[in-house]
């Protein structure tokens, strides 16, 4: 029973190829058009795949080059920028500490 189904399947495929060959024989212009459409589709797929691969390689290479440059800039520029941003806070804390010392000295001296 399974052999008969397999034969039927193979027989159908052979008939399909025969129909395709007959169609190509009857209408060669349609066959050429289908061939060029399939070829164009394959070339378009190859172009898109190659473009994606190239973009991935470019991104990887840029990341390799940019990370060391960014790290060197960060290690030199960041401490100075942080120091500049923190400086007013340091001055405020120092002034507060001076006022606190003054108040404590007055309180201690009164006792």
PDB file of N, CA and C in Angstrom:
ATOM      1  N   UNK A   1       0.819  -1.189   0.000  1.00  0.00           N
ATOM      2  CA  UNK A   1       0.000   0.000   0.000  1.00  0.00           C
ATOM      3  C   UNK A   1       0.862   1.251   0.000  1.00  0.00           C
ATOM      4  N   UNK A   2       1.930   1.243   0.832  1.00  0.00           N
ATOM      5  CA  UNK A   2       2.819   2.404   0.899  1.00  0.00           C
ATOM      6  C   UNK A   2       3.562   2.591  -0.419  1.00  0.00           C
ATOM      7  N   UNK A   3       3.891   1.458  -1.085  1.00  0.00           N
ATOM      8  CA  UNK A   3       4.587   1.566  -2.363  1.00  0.00           C
ATOM      9  C   UNK A   3       3.700   2.210  -3.416  1.00  0.00           C
ATOM     10  N   UNK A   4       2.425   1.930  -3.372  1.00  0.00           N
ATOM     11  CA  UNK A   4       1.500   2.503  -4.343  1.00  0.00           C
ATOM     12  C   UNK A   4       1.392   4.020  -4.137  1.00  0.00           C
ATOM     13  N   UNK A   5       1.333   4.465  -2.870  1.00  0.00           N
ATOM     14  CA  UNK A   5       1.282   5.903  -2.604  1.00  0.00           C
ATOM     15  C   UNK A   5       2.559   6.581  -3.074  1.00  0.00           C
ATOM     16  N   UNK A   6       3.714   5.909  -2.841  1.00  0.00           N
ATOM     17  CA  UNK A   6       4.979   6.486  -3.287  1.00  0.00           C
ATOM     18  C   UNK A   6       5.018   6.567  -4.809  1.00  0.00           C
ATOM     19  N   UNK A   7       4.546   5.537  -5.460  1.00  0.00           N
ATOM     20  CA  UNK A   7       4.492   5.561  -6.918  1.00  0.00           C
ATOM     21  C   UNK A   7       3.570   6.672  -7.386  1.00  0.00           C
ATOM     22  N   UNK A   8       2.464   6.842  -6.703  1.00  0.00           N
ATOM     23  CA  UNK A   8       1.538   7.911  -7.077  1.00  0.00           C
ATOM     24  C   UNK A   8       2.207   9.274  -6.928  1.00  0.00           C
ATOM     25  N   UNK A   9       2.947   9.442  -5.839  1.00  0.00           N
ATOM     26  CA  UNK A   9       3.631  10.715  -5.606  1.00  0.00           C
ATOM     27  C   UNK A   9       4.677  10.968  -6.695  1.00  0.00           C
ATOM     28  N   UNK A  10       5.479   9.940  -6.986  1.00  0.00           N
ATOM     29  CA  UNK A  10       6.502  10.076  -8.030  1.00  0.00           C
ATOM     30  C   UNK A  10       5.824  10.295  -9.382  1.00  0.00           C
ATOM     31  N   UNK A  11       4.767   9.582  -9.628  1.00  0.00           N
ATOM     32  CA  UNK A  11       4.046   9.739 -10.890  1.00  0.00           C
ATOM     33  C   UNK A  11       3.501  11.146 -11.045  1.00  0.00           C
ATOM     34  N   UNK A  12       2.986  11.702  -9.962  1.00  0.00           N
ATOM     35  CA  UNK A  12       2.475  13.076 -10.021  1.00  0.00           C
ATOM     36  C   UNK A  12       3.601  14.058 -10.336  1.00  0.00           C
ATOM     37  N   UNK A  13       4.769  13.866  -9.705  1.00  0.00           N
ATOM     38  CA  UNK A  13       5.891  14.785  -9.951  1.00  0.00           C
ATOM     39  C   UNK A  13       6.371  14.681 -11.398  1.00  0.00           C
ATOM     40  N   UNK A  14       6.396  13.460 -11.937  1.00  0.00           N
ATOM     41  CA  UNK A  14       6.795  13.279 -13.332  1.00  0.00           C
ATOM     42  C   UNK A  14       5.791  13.965 -14.245  1.00  0.00           C
ATOM     43  N   UNK A  15       4.530  13.847 -13.928  1.00  0.00           N
ATOM     44  CA  UNK A  15       3.505  14.523 -14.728  1.00  0.00           C
ATOM     45  C   UNK A  15       3.648  16.045 -14.626  1.00  0.00           C
ATOM     46  N   UNK A  16       3.982  16.532 -13.434  1.00  0.00           N
ATOM     47  CA  UNK A  16       4.170  17.975 -13.268  1.00  0.00           C
ATOM     48  C   UNK A  16       5.330  18.484 -14.118  1.00  0.00           C
ATOM     49  N   UNK A  17       6.427  17.715 -14.144  1.00  0.00           N
ATOM     50  CA  UNK A  17       7.564  18.111 -14.976  1.00  0.00           C
ATOM     51  C   UNK A  17       7.170  18.070 -16.445  1.00  0.00           C
ATOM     52  N   UNK A  18       6.418  17.077 -16.805  1.00  0.00           N
ATOM     53  CA  UNK A  18       5.947  16.991 -18.188  1.00  0.00           C
ATOM     54  C   UNK A  18       5.053  18.169 -18.546  1.00  0.00           C
ATOM     55  N   UNK A  19       4.181  18.577 -17.639  1.00  0.00           N
ATOM     56  CA  UNK A  19       3.324  19.737 -17.890  1.00  0.00           C
ATOM     57  C   UNK A  19       4.158  21.005 -18.042  1.00  0.00           C
ATOM     58  N   UNK A  20       5.173  21.146 -17.184  1.00  0.00           N
ATOM     59  CA  UNK A  20       6.047  22.318 -17.258  1.00  0.00           C
ATOM     60  C   UNK A  20       6.807  22.348 -18.584  1.00  0.00           C
ATOM     61  N   UNK A  21       7.307  21.194 -18.998  1.00  0.00           N
ATOM     62  CA  UNK A  21       8.013  21.131 -20.280  1.00  0.00           C
ATOM     63  C   UNK A  21       7.060  21.438 -21.434  1.00  0.00           C
ATOM     64  N   UNK A  22       5.851  20.950 -21.353  1.00  0.00           N
ATOM     65  CA  UNK A  22       4.867  21.239 -22.401  1.00  0.00           C
ATOM     66  C   UNK A  22       4.502  22.714 -22.418  1.00  0.00           C
ATOM     67  N   UNK A  23       4.371  23.303 -21.240  1.00  0.00           N
ATOM     68  CA  UNK A  23       4.067  24.739 -21.152  1.00  0.00           C
ATOM     69  C   UNK A  23       5.213  25.559 -21.748  1.00  0.00           C
ATOM     70  N   UNK A  24       6.456  25.166 -21.443  1.00  0.00           N
ATOM     71  CA  UNK A  24       7.614  25.875 -21.991  1.00  0.00           C
ATOM     72  C   UNK A  24       7.657  25.733 -23.504  1.00  0.00           C
ATOM     73  N   UNK A  25       7.284  24.576 -23.997  1.00  0.00           N
ATOM     74  CA  UNK A  25       7.286  24.353 -25.431  1.00  0.00           C
ATOM     75  C   UNK A  25       6.207  25.193 -26.117  1.00  0.00           C
ATOM     76  N   UNK A  26       5.040  25.344 -25.477  1.00  0.00           N
ATOM     77  CA  UNK A  26       3.950  26.108 -26.072  1.00  0.00           C
ATOM     78  C   UNK A  26       4.189  27.613 -25.978  1.00  0.00           C
ATOM     79  N   UNK A  27       4.737  28.076 -24.852  1.00  0.00           N
ATOM     80  CA  UNK A  27       4.857  29.519 -24.636  1.00  0.00           C
ATOM     81  C   UNK A  27       6.253  29.851 -24.121  1.00  0.00           C
ATOM     82  N   UNK A  28       7.205  29.948 -25.043  1.00  0.00           N
ATOM     83  CA  UNK A  28       8.609  30.160 -24.671  1.00  0.00           C
ATOM     84  C   UNK A  28       8.817  31.528 -24.021  1.00  0.00           C
ATOM     85  N   UNK A  29       8.045  32.531 -24.435  1.00  0.00           N
ATOM     86  CA  UNK A  29       8.192  33.869 -23.868  1.00  0.00           C
ATOM     87  C   UNK A  29       7.824  33.872 -22.387  1.00  0.00           C
ATOM     88  N   UNK A  30       6.775  33.164 -22.015  1.00  0.00           N
ATOM     89  CA  UNK A  30       6.386  33.070 -20.599  1.00  0.00           C
ATOM     90  C   UNK A  30       7.457  32.338 -19.799  1.00  0.00           C
ATOM     91  N   UNK A  31       8.039  31.298 -20.387  1.00  0.00           N
ATOM     92  CA  UNK A  31       9.095  30.553 -19.705  1.00  0.00           C
ATOM     93  C   UNK A  31      10.313  31.439 -19.472  1.00  0.00           C
ATOM     94  N   UNK A  32      10.689  32.227 -20.444  1.00  0.00           N
ATOM     95  CA  UNK A  32      11.835  33.142 -20.289  1.00  0.00           C
ATOM     96  C   UNK A  32      11.520  34.175 -19.220  1.00  0.00           C
ATOM     97  N   UNK A  33      10.289  34.691 -19.216  1.00  0.00           N
ATOM     98  CA  UNK A  33       9.899  35.676 -18.208  1.00  0.00           C
ATOM     99  C   UNK A  33       9.976  35.078 -16.804  1.00  0.00           C
ATOM    100  N   UNK A  34       9.489  33.854 -16.629  1.00  0.00           N
ATOM    101  CA  UNK A  34       9.555  33.191 -15.320  1.00  0.00           C
ATOM    102  C   UNK A  34      11.013  32.964 -14.926  1.00  0.00           C
ATOM    103  N   UNK A  35      11.833  32.540 -15.877  1.00  0.00           N
ATOM    104  CA  UNK A  35      13.260  32.322 -15.587  1.00  0.00           C
ATOM    105  C   UNK A  35      13.912  33.614 -15.097  1.00  0.00           C
ATOM    106  N   UNK A  36      13.649  34.722 -15.777  1.00  0.00           N
ATOM    107  CA  UNK A  36      14.263  35.985 -15.372  1.00  0.00           C
ATOM    108  C   UNK A  36      13.699  36.491 -14.041  1.00  0.00           C
ATOM    109  N   UNK A  37      12.425  36.232 -13.763  1.00  0.00           N
ATOM    110  CA  UNK A  37      11.864  36.638 -12.469  1.00  0.00           C
ATOM    111  C   UNK A  37      12.517  35.851 -11.339  1.00  0.00           C
ATOM    112  N   UNK A  38      12.689  34.551 -11.535  1.00  0.00           N
ATOM    113  CA  UNK A  38      13.333  33.727 -10.515  1.00  0.00           C
ATOM    114  C   UNK A  38      14.787  34.155 -10.337  1.00  0.00           C
ATOM    115  N   UNK A  39      15.482  34.399 -11.440  1.00  0.00           N
ATOM    116  CA  UNK A  39      16.875  34.837 -11.368  1.00  0.00           C
ATOM    117  C   UNK A  39      16.980  36.187 -10.665  1.00  0.00           C
ATOM    118  N   UNK A  40      16.084  37.105 -10.979  1.00  0.00           N
ATOM    119  CA  UNK A  40      16.093  38.417 -10.330  1.00  0.00           C
ATOM    120  C   UNK A  40      15.836  38.271  -8.831  1.00  0.00           C
ATOM    121  N   UNK A  41      14.918  37.403  -8.458  1.00  0.00           N
ATOM    122  CA  UNK A  41      14.642  37.163  -7.042  1.00  0.00           C
ATOM    123  C   UNK A  41      15.864  36.626  -6.316  1.00  0.00           C
ATOM    124  N   UNK A  42      16.547  35.668  -6.938  1.00  0.00           N
ATOM    125  CA  UNK A  42      17.758  35.109  -6.322  1.00  0.00           C
ATOM    126  C   UNK A  42      18.859  36.158  -6.195  1.00  0.00           C
ATOM    127  N   UNK A  43      19.044  36.960  -7.235  1.00  0.00           N
ATOM    128  CA  UNK A  43      20.070  38.006  -7.171  1.00  0.00           C
ATOM    129  C   UNK A  43      19.723  39.063  -6.123  1.00  0.00           C
ATOM    130  N   UNK A  44      18.462  39.404  -6.017  1.00  0.00           N
ATOM    131  CA  UNK A  44      18.031  40.369  -5.004  1.00  0.00           C
ATOM    132  C   UNK A  44      18.265  39.819  -3.603  1.00  0.00           C
ATOM    133  N   UNK A  45      17.947  38.546  -3.390  1.00  0.00           N
ATOM    134  CA  UNK A  45      18.200  37.916  -2.095  1.00  0.00           C
ATOM    135  C   UNK A  45      19.694  37.933  -1.781  1.00  0.00           C
ATOM    136  N   UNK A  46      20.536  37.587  -2.755  1.00  0.00           N
ATOM    137  CA  UNK A  46      21.983  37.572  -2.532  1.00  0.00           C
ATOM    138  C   UNK A  46      22.497  38.974  -2.221  1.00  0.00           C
ATOM    139  N   UNK A  47      21.979  39.987  -2.913  1.00  0.00           N
ATOM    140  CA  UNK A  47      22.396  41.370  -2.673  1.00  0.00           C
ATOM    141  C   UNK A  47      22.025  41.819  -1.261  1.00  0.00           C
ATOM    142  N   UNK A  48      20.800  41.520  -0.839  1.00  0.00           N
ATOM    143  CA  UNK A  48      20.353  41.931   0.498  1.00  0.00           C
ATOM    144  C   UNK A  48      21.161  41.217   1.572  1.00  0.00           C
ATOM    145  N   UNK A  49      21.419  39.925   1.382  1.00  0.00           N
ATOM    146  CA  UNK A  49      22.205  39.164   2.356  1.00  0.00           C
ATOM    147  C   UNK A  49      23.617  39.716   2.445  1.00  0.00           C
ATOM    148  N   UNK A  50      24.230  40.003   1.305  1.00  0.00           N
ATOM    149  CA  UNK A  50      25.583  40.542   1.297  1.00  0.00           C
ATOM    150  C   UNK A  50      25.601  41.922   1.954  1.00  0.00           C
ATOM    151  N   UNK A  51      24.610  42.736   1.692  1.00  0.00           N
ATOM    152  CA  UNK A  51      24.532  44.062   2.288  1.00  0.00           C
ATOM    153  C   UNK A  51      24.405  43.967   3.808  1.00  0.00           C
ATOM    154  N   UNK A  52      23.570  43.058   4.301  1.00  0.00           N
ATOM    155  CA  UNK A  52      23.419  42.872   5.747  1.00  0.00           C
ATOM    156  C   UNK A  52      24.717  42.383   6.385  1.00  0.00           C
ATOM    157  N   UNK A  53      25.394  41.440   5.720  1.00  0.00           N
ATOM    158  CA  UNK A  53      26.665  40.944   6.240  1.00  0.00           C
ATOM    159  C   UNK A  53      27.705  42.058   6.287  1.00  0.00           C
ATOM    160  N   UNK A  54      27.737  42.875   5.240  1.00  0.00           N
ATOM    161  CA  UNK A  54      28.688  43.979   5.194  1.00  0.00           C
ATOM    162  C   UNK A  54      28.399  44.994   6.293  1.00  0.00           C
ATOM    163  N   UNK A  55      27.118  45.318   6.506  1.00  0.00           N
ATOM    164  CA  UNK A  55      26.758  46.251   7.579  1.00  0.00           C
ATOM    165  C   UNK A  55      27.162  45.706   8.942  1.00  0.00           C
ATOM    166  N   UNK A  56      26.991  44.403   9.152  1.00  0.00           N
ATOM    167  CA  UNK A  56      27.382  43.789  10.426  1.00  0.00           C
ATOM    168  C   UNK A  56      28.890  43.875  10.621  1.00  0.00           C
ATOM    169  N   UNK A  57      29.659  43.632   9.559  1.00  0.00           N
ATOM    170  CA  UNK A  57      31.119  43.708   9.663  1.00  0.00           C
ATOM    171  C   UNK A  57      31.572  45.138   9.905  1.00  0.00           C
ATOM    172  N   UNK A  58      30.935  46.102   9.251  1.00  0.00           N
ATOM    173  CA  UNK A  58      31.295  47.513   9.454  1.00  0.00           C
ATOM    174  C   UNK A  58      30.991  47.919  10.891  1.00  0.00           C
ATOM    175  N   UNK A  59      29.831  47.521  11.394  1.00  0.00           N
ATOM    176  CA  UNK A  59      29.457  47.852  12.770  1.00  0.00           C
ATOM    177  C   UNK A  59      30.452  47.250  13.757  1.00  0.00           C
ATOM    178  N   UNK A  60      30.839  46.017  13.537  1.00  0.00           N
ATOM    179  CA  UNK A  60      31.796  45.364  14.418  1.00  0.00           C
ATOM    180  C   UNK A  60      33.148  46.087  14.392  1.00  0.00           C
ATOM    181  N   UNK A  61      33.595  46.463  13.214  1.00  0.00           N
ATOM    182  CA  UNK A  61      34.889  47.145  13.085  1.00  0.00           C
ATOM    183  C   UNK A  61      34.843  48.526  13.733  1.00  0.00           C
ATOM    184  N   UNK A  62      33.744  49.240  13.557  1.00  0.00           N
ATOM    185  CA  UNK A  62      33.616  50.565  14.170  1.00  0.00           C
ATOM    186  C   UNK A  62      33.619  50.433  15.688  1.00  0.00           C
ATOM    187  N   UNK A  63      32.940  49.429  16.212  1.00  0.00           N
ATOM    188  CA  UNK A  63      32.937  49.224  17.665  1.00  0.00           C
ATOM    189  C   UNK A  63      34.335  48.918  18.180  1.00  0.00           C
ATOM    190  N   UNK A  64      35.107  48.150  17.411  1.00  0.00           N
ATOM    191  CA  UNK A  64      36.483  47.852  17.822  1.00  0.00           C
ATOM    192  C   UNK A  64      37.323  49.123  17.874  1.00  0.00           C
ATOM    193  N   UNK A  65      37.102  50.033  16.932  1.00  0.00           N
ATOM    194  CA  UNK A  65      37.918  51.242  16.865  1.00  0.00           C
ATOM    195  C   UNK A  65      37.428  52.319  17.816  1.00  0.00           C
ATOM    196  N   UNK A  66      36.124  52.413  18.024  1.00  0.00           N
ATOM    197  CA  UNK A  66      35.566  53.503  18.817  1.00  0.00           C
ATOM    198  C   UNK A  66      35.751  53.265  20.309  1.00  0.00           C
ATOM    199  N   UNK A  67      35.601  52.048  20.782  1.00  0.00           N
ATOM    200  CA  UNK A  67      35.694  51.790  22.215  1.00  0.00           C
ATOM    201  C   UNK A  67      37.019  52.243  22.822  1.00  0.00           C
ATOM    202  N   UNK A  68      38.177  51.934  22.243  1.00  0.00           N
ATOM    203  CA  UNK A  68      39.418  52.439  22.834  1.00  0.00           C
ATOM    204  C   UNK A  68      39.496  53.970  22.810  1.00  0.00           C
ATOM    205  N   UNK A  69      39.011  54.585  21.747  1.00  0.00           N
ATOM    206  CA  UNK A  69      39.048  56.045  21.664  1.00  0.00           C
ATOM    207  C   UNK A  69      38.145  56.659  22.722  1.00  0.00           C
ATOM    208  N   UNK A  70      36.962  56.096  22.898  1.00  0.00           N
ATOM    209  CA  UNK A  70      36.033  56.611  23.901  1.00  0.00           C
ATOM    210  C   UNK A  70      36.607  56.405  25.300  1.00  0.00           C
ATOM    211  N   UNK A  71      37.200  55.234  25.542  1.00  0.00           N
ATOM    212  CA  UNK A  71      37.781  54.962  26.855  1.00  0.00           C
ATOM    213  C   UNK A  71      38.888  55.953  27.187  1.00  0.00           C
ATOM    214  N   UNK A  72      39.737  56.279  26.213  1.00  0.00           N
ATOM    215  CA  UNK A  72      40.818  57.229  26.487  1.00  0.00           C
ATOM    216  C   UNK A  72      40.265  58.626  26.736  1.00  0.00           C
ATOM    217  N   UNK A  73      39.242  59.031  25.990  1.00  0.00           N
ATOM    218  CA  UNK A  73      38.622  60.346  26.216  1.00  0.00           C
ATOM    219  C   UNK A  73      37.960  60.393  27.588  1.00  0.00           C
ATOM    220  N   UNK A  74      37.261  59.326  27.943  1.00  0.00           N
ATOM    221  CA  UNK A  74      36.560  59.286  29.221  1.00  0.00           C
ATOM    222  C   UNK A  74      37.551  59.335  30.367  1.00  0.00           C
ATOM    223  N   UNK A  75      38.656  58.616  30.243  1.00  0.00           N
ATOM    224  CA  UNK A  75      39.618  58.580  31.342  1.00  0.00           C
ATOM    225  C   UNK A  75      40.306  59.926  31.548  1.00  0.00           C
ATOM    226  N   UNK A  76      40.388  60.751  30.507  1.00  0.00           N
ATOM    227  CA  UNK A  76      41.017  62.063  30.679  1.00  0.00           C
ATOM    228  C   UNK A  76      40.005  63.170  30.920  1.00  0.00           C
ATOM    229  N   UNK A  77      38.895  63.156  30.210  1.00  0.00           N
ATOM    230  CA  UNK A  77      37.944  64.261  30.291  1.00  0.00           C
ATOM    231  C   UNK A  77      36.964  64.114  31.454  1.00  0.00           C
ATOM    232  N   UNK A  78      36.592  62.905  31.786  1.00  0.00           N
ATOM    233  CA  UNK A  78      35.584  62.704  32.818  1.00  0.00           C
ATOM    234  C   UNK A  78      36.019  63.181  34.196  1.00  0.00           C
ATOM    235  N   UNK A  79      37.220  62.846  34.661  1.00  0.00           N
ATOM    236  CA  UNK A  79      37.601  63.337  35.992  1.00  0.00           C
ATOM    237  C   UNK A  79      37.583  64.865  36.099  1.00  0.00           C
ATOM    238  N   UNK A  80      38.028  65.556  35.047  1.00  0.00           N
ATOM    239  CA  UNK A  80      38.012  67.019  35.073  1.00  0.00           C
ATOM    240  C   UNK A  80      36.577  67.538  35.094  1.00  0.00           C
ATOM    241  N   UNK A  81      35.710  66.949  34.307  1.00  0.00           N
ATOM    242  CA  UNK A  81      34.315  67.385  34.269  1.00  0.00           C
ATOM    243  C   UNK A  81      33.632  67.130  35.613  1.00  0.00           C
ATOM    244  N   UNK A  82      33.926  65.998  36.224  1.00  0.00           N
ATOM    245  CA  UNK A  82      33.342  65.692  37.532  1.00  0.00           C
ATOM    246  C   UNK A  82      33.879  66.658  38.574  1.00  0.00           C
ATOM    247  N   UNK A  83      35.169  66.917  38.524  1.00  0.00           N
ATOM    248  CA  UNK A  83      35.784  67.858  39.481  1.00  0.00           C
ATOM    249  C   UNK A  83      35.150  69.241  39.345  1.00  0.00           C
ATOM    250  N   UNK A  84      34.941  69.688  38.125  1.00  0.00           N
ATOM    251  CA  UNK A  84      34.306  70.994  37.905  1.00  0.00           C
ATOM    252  C   UNK A  84      32.872  71.004  38.427  1.00  0.00           C
ATOM    253  N   UNK A  85      32.144  69.914  38.239  1.00  0.00           N
ATOM    254  CA  UNK A  85      30.750  69.854  38.681  1.00  0.00           C
ATOM    255  C   UNK A  85      30.647  69.765  40.203  1.00  0.00           C
ATOM    256  N   UNK A  86      31.622  69.129  40.844  1.00  0.00           N
ATOM    257  CA  UNK A  86      31.577  68.907  42.283  1.00  0.00           C
ATOM    258  C   UNK A  86      32.155  70.092  43.066  1.00  0.00           C
ATOM    259  N   UNK A  87      32.942  70.911  42.414  1.00  0.00           N
ATOM    260  CA  UNK A  87      33.614  72.024  43.097  1.00  0.00           C
ATOM    261  C   UNK A  87      32.649  72.930  43.876  1.00  0.00           C
ATOM    262  N   UNK A  88      31.514  73.375  43.318  1.00  0.00           N
ATOM    263  CA  UNK A  88      30.597  74.196  44.115  1.00  0.00           C
ATOM    264  C   UNK A  88      30.069  73.460  45.352  1.00  0.00           C
ATOM    265  N   UNK A  89      29.844  72.165  45.227  1.00  0.00           N
ATOM    266  CA  UNK A  89      29.380  71.394  46.379  1.00  0.00           C
ATOM    267  C   UNK A  89      30.457  71.344  47.455  1.00  0.00           C
ATOM    268  N   UNK A  90      31.709  71.160  47.045  1.00  0.00           N
ATOM    269  CA  UNK A  90      32.812  71.138  48.005  1.00  0.00           C
ATOM    270  C   UNK A  90      32.894  72.456  48.753  1.00  0.00           C
ATOM    271  N   UNK A  91      32.780  73.546  48.016  1.00  0.00           N
ATOM    272  CA  UNK A  91      32.844  74.864  48.651  1.00  0.00           C
ATOM    273  C   UNK A  91      31.694  75.052  49.630  1.00  0.00           C
ATOM    274  N   UNK A  92      30.499  74.604  49.250  1.00  0.00           N
ATOM    275  CA  UNK A  92      29.344  74.699  50.143  1.00  0.00           C
ATOM    276  C   UNK A  92      29.542  73.890  51.410  1.00  0.00           C
ATOM    277  N   UNK A  93      30.088  72.694  51.279  1.00  0.00           N
ATOM    278  CA  UNK A  93      30.342  71.852  52.448  1.00  0.00           C
ATOM    279  C   UNK A  93      31.391  72.501  53.341  1.00  0.00           C
ATOM    280  N   UNK A  94      32.437  73.024  52.737  1.00  0.00           N
ATOM    281  CA  UNK A  94      33.488  73.683  53.542  1.00  0.00           C
ATOM    282  C   UNK A  94      32.941  74.894  54.284  1.00  0.00           C
ATOM    283  N   UNK A  95      32.108  75.697  53.621  1.00  0.00           N
ATOM    284  CA  UNK A  95      31.505  76.848  54.300  1.00  0.00           C
ATOM    285  C   UNK A  95      30.603  76.388  55.442  1.00  0.00           C
ATOM    286  N   UNK A  96      29.836  75.342  55.207  1.00  0.00           N
ATOM    287  CA  UNK A  96      28.981  74.799  56.259  1.00  0.00           C
ATOM    288  C   UNK A  96      29.795  74.290  57.433  1.00  0.00           C
ATOM    289  N   UNK A  97      30.909  73.616  57.141  1.00  0.00           N
ATOM    290  CA  UNK A  97      31.776  73.118  58.206  1.00  0.00           C
ATOM    291  C   UNK A  97      32.372  74.279  59.004  1.00  0.00           C
ATOM    292  N   UNK A  98      32.757  75.359  58.322  1.00  0.00           N
ATOM    293  CA  UNK A  98      33.303  76.528  59.013  1.00  0.00           C
ATOM    294  C   UNK A  98      32.252  77.147  59.926  1.00  0.00           C
ATOM    295  N   UNK A  99      31.031  77.271  59.429  1.00  0.00           N
ATOM    296  CA  UNK A  99      29.956  77.815  60.259  1.00  0.00           C
ATOM    297  C   UNK A  99      29.688  76.909  61.454  1.00  0.00           C
ATOM    298  N   UNK A 100      29.690  75.618  61.247  1.00  0.00           N
ATOM    299  CA  UNK A 100      29.480  74.661  62.325  1.00  0.00           C
ATOM    300  C   UNK A 100      30.596  74.766  63.356  1.00  0.00           C
ATOM    301  N   UNK A 101      31.835  74.869  62.876  1.00  0.00           N
ATOM    302  CA  UNK A 101      32.964  75.039  63.809  1.00  0.00           C
ATOM    303  C   UNK A 101      32.808  76.320  64.620  1.00  0.00           C
ATOM    304  N   UNK A 102      32.391  77.380  63.961  1.00  0.00           N
ATOM    305  CA  UNK A 102      32.203  78.656  64.660  1.00  0.00           C
ATOM    306  C   UNK A 102      31.121  78.520  65.727  1.00  0.00           C
ATOM    307  N   UNK A 103      30.009  77.918  65.377  1.00  0.00           N
ATOM    308  CA  UNK A 103      28.914  77.735  66.337  1.00  0.00           C
ATOM    309  C   UNK A 103      29.370  76.843  67.493  1.00  0.00           C
ATOM    310  N   UNK A 104      30.054  75.754  67.191  1.00  0.00           N
ATOM    311  CA  UNK A 104      30.535  74.860  68.245  1.00  0.00           C
ATOM    312  C   UNK A 104      31.525  75.570  69.161  1.00  0.00           C
ATOM    313  N   UNK A 105      32.432  76.353  68.573  1.00  0.00           N
ATOM    314  CA  UNK A 105      33.403  77.094  69.396  1.00  0.00           C
ATOM    315  C   UNK A 105      32.695  78.074  70.315  1.00  0.00           C
ATOM    316  N   UNK A 106      31.645  78.747  69.814  1.00  0.00           N
ATOM    317  CA  UNK A 106      30.903  79.688  70.658  1.00  0.00           C
ATOM    318  C   UNK A 106      30.175  78.954  71.770  1.00  0.00           C
ATOM    319  N   UNK A 107      29.593  77.801  71.464  1.00  0.00           N
ATOM    320  CA  UNK A 107      28.873  77.022  72.463  1.00  0.00           C
ATOM    321  C   UNK A 107      29.835  76.482  73.508  1.00  0.00           C
ATOM    322  N   UNK A 108      30.969  75.968  73.070  1.00  0.00           N
ATOM    323  CA  UNK A 108      31.945  75.403  74.004  1.00  0.00           C
ATOM    324  C   UNK A 108      32.543  76.503  74.876  1.00  0.00           C
ATOM    325  N   UNK A 109      32.837  77.657  74.310  1.00  0.00           N
ATOM    326  CA  UNK A 109      33.435  78.750  75.062  1.00  0.00           C
ATOM    327  C   UNK A 109      32.451  79.341  76.074  1.00  0.00           C
ATOM    328  N   UNK A 110      31.171  79.296  75.836  1.00  0.00           N
ATOM    329  CA  UNK A 110      30.179  79.802  76.765  1.00  0.00           C
ATOM    330  C   UNK A 110      30.067  78.928  78.014  1.00  0.00           C
ATOM    331  N   UNK A 111      30.330  77.658  77.856  1.00  0.00           N
ATOM    332  CA  UNK A 111      30.198  76.754  78.985  1.00  0.00           C
ATOM    333  C   UNK A 111      31.357  76.849  79.842  1.00  0.00           C
TER     334      UNK A 111
END
